[in-house]
C-alpha atoms as a PDB file:
ATOM      1  CA  MET A   1    -157.272 129.753 -24.237  1.00  0.00           C
ATOM      2  CA  ARG A   2    -156.396 127.437 -27.091  1.00  0.00           C
ATOM      3  CA  THR A   3    -152.987 125.749 -26.958  1.00  0.00           C
ATOM      4  CA  LEU A   4    -150.650 125.913 -29.944  1.00  0.00           C
ATOM      5  CA  SER A   5    -147.483 124.122 -30.912  1.00  0.00           C
ATOM      6  CA  GLY A   6    -144.396 126.125 -31.804  1.00  0.00           C
ATOM      7  CA  LYS A   7    -144.951 125.340 -35.501  1.00  0.00           C
ATOM      8  CA  GLU A   8    -148.521 126.675 -35.394  1.00  0.00           C
ATOM      9  CA  PHE A   9    -147.466 129.856 -33.584  1.00  0.00           C
ATOM     10  CA  ILE A  10    -144.708 130.471 -36.148  1.00  0.00           C
ATOM     11  CA  LYS A  11    -147.317 130.469 -38.943  1.00  0.00           C
ATOM     12  CA  ILE A  12    -149.289 133.138 -37.064  1.00  0.00           C
ATOM     13  CA  LEU A  13    -146.163 135.245 -36.494  1.00  0.00           C
ATOM     14  CA  GLU A  14    -145.236 135.109 -40.174  1.00  0.00           C
ATOM     15  CA  LYS A  15    -148.775 136.124 -41.137  1.00  0.00           C
ATOM     16  CA  GLU A  16    -148.430 139.158 -38.819  1.00  0.00           C
ATOM     17  CA  GLY A  17    -145.213 140.289 -40.548  1.00  0.00           C
ATOM     18  CA  TRP A  18    -142.544 138.788 -38.269  1.00  0.00           C
ATOM     19  CA  GLU A  19    -139.419 137.540 -40.050  1.00  0.00           C
ATOM     20  CA  LEU A  20    -137.265 134.531 -39.206  1.00  0.00           C
ATOM     21  CA  LYS A  21    -133.760 135.810 -38.481  1.00  0.00           C
ATOM     22  CA  ARG A  22    -131.994 132.648 -37.375  1.00  0.00           C
ATOM     23  CA  VAL A  23    -132.408 129.143 -36.014  1.00  0.00           C
ATOM     24  CA  LYS A  24    -130.242 127.842 -33.199  1.00  0.00           C
ATOM     25  CA  GLY A  25    -131.018 124.276 -32.295  1.00  0.00           C
ATOM     26  CA  SER A  26    -134.765 124.018 -31.839  1.00  0.00           C
ATOM     27  CA  HIS A  27    -135.316 127.756 -31.246  1.00  0.00           C
ATOM     28  CA  HIS A  28    -136.502 129.937 -34.120  1.00  0.00           C
ATOM     29  CA  VAL A  29    -135.753 133.646 -33.570  1.00  0.00           C
ATOM     30  CA  PHE A  30    -138.154 136.174 -35.097  1.00  0.00           C
ATOM     31  CA  MET A  31    -137.889 139.950 -35.406  1.00  0.00           C
ATOM     32  CA  LYS A  32    -140.136 142.586 -36.952  1.00  0.00           C
ATOM     33  CA  PRO A  33    -138.911 145.823 -38.529  1.00  0.00           C
ATOM     34  CA  GLY A  34    -139.781 148.815 -36.363  1.00  0.00           C
ATOM     35  CA  ILE A  35    -140.241 146.754 -33.183  1.00  0.00           C
ATOM     36  CA  HIS A  36    -137.412 146.406 -30.686  1.00  0.00           C
ATOM     37  CA  ALA A  37    -138.495 142.935 -29.555  1.00  0.00           C
ATOM     38  CA  ARG A  38    -137.177 139.502 -30.366  1.00  0.00           C
ATOM     39  CA  ILE A  39    -139.249 136.326 -30.057  1.00  0.00           C
ATOM     40  CA  SER A  40    -137.486 132.980 -29.700  1.00  0.00           C
ATOM     41  CA  VAL A  41    -140.029 130.220 -30.338  1.00  0.00           C
ATOM     42  CA  PRO A  42    -139.101 126.686 -29.231  1.00  0.00           C
ATOM     43  CA  VAL A  43    -140.112 124.079 -31.817  1.00  0.00           C
ATOM     44  CA  HIS A  44    -140.179 120.603 -30.311  1.00  0.00           C
ATOM     45  CA  GLY A  45    -142.249 118.637 -32.800  1.00  0.00           C
ATOM     46  CA  ASN A  46    -145.955 119.162 -32.198  1.00  0.00           C
ATOM     47  CA  LYS A  47    -145.553 119.660 -28.457  1.00  0.00           C
ATOM     48  CA  PRO A  48    -147.772 122.557 -27.263  1.00  0.00           C
ATOM     49  CA  LEU A  49    -146.251 125.768 -25.890  1.00  0.00           C
ATOM     50  CA  LYS A  50    -146.943 126.375 -22.213  1.00  0.00           C
ATOM     51  CA  ILE A  51    -149.741 128.885 -21.585  1.00  0.00           C
ATOM     52  CA  GLY A  52    -147.549 131.468 -19.813  1.00  0.00           C
ATOM     53  CA  LEU A  53    -144.975 131.434 -22.616  1.00  0.00           C
ATOM     54  CA  LEU A  54    -147.694 131.680 -25.272  1.00  0.00           C
ATOM     55  CA  LYS A  55    -149.279 134.676 -23.507  1.00  0.00           C
ATOM     56  CA  HIS A  56    -145.876 136.378 -23.239  1.00  0.00           C
ATOM     57  CA  PHE A  57    -145.212 135.874 -26.955  1.00  0.00           C
ATOM     58  CA  MET A  58    -148.681 137.176 -27.815  1.00  0.00           C
ATOM     59  CA  LYS A  59    -148.092 140.318 -25.747  1.00  0.00           C
ATOM     60  CA  LEU A  60    -144.717 140.965 -27.426  1.00  0.00           C
ATOM     61  CA  ALA A  61    -146.151 140.394 -30.906  1.00  0.00           C
ATOM     62  CA  GLY A  62    -149.349 142.354 -30.323  1.00  0.00           C
ATOM     63  CA  ILE A  63    -151.534 139.333 -31.085  1.00  0.00           C
ATOM     64  CA  SER A  64    -154.916 138.858 -29.402  1.00  0.00           C
ATOM     65  CA  GLU A  65    -156.723 135.605 -28.639  1.00  0.00           C
ATOM     66  CA  GLU A  66    -159.091 136.274 -31.544  1.00  0.00           C
ATOM     67  CA  ASP A  67    -156.104 136.178 -33.945  1.00  0.00           C
ATOM     68  CA  LEU A  68    -155.376 132.586 -32.940  1.00  0.00           C
END
């Protein structure tokens, strides 16, 4: 699986229809109308997200590895 930074993953989320609701510190909180999930993406420069966290976010957002 390809690693992504928080910034790169945010671009994918926005392309999939997720909306930025708020920013608290370095965490960007996204929500999507009609889905009862909230995704809080840590943005620490270009540091890659850990694989387990990335997989969890992908599952919540309904994003497959091919979409990356």
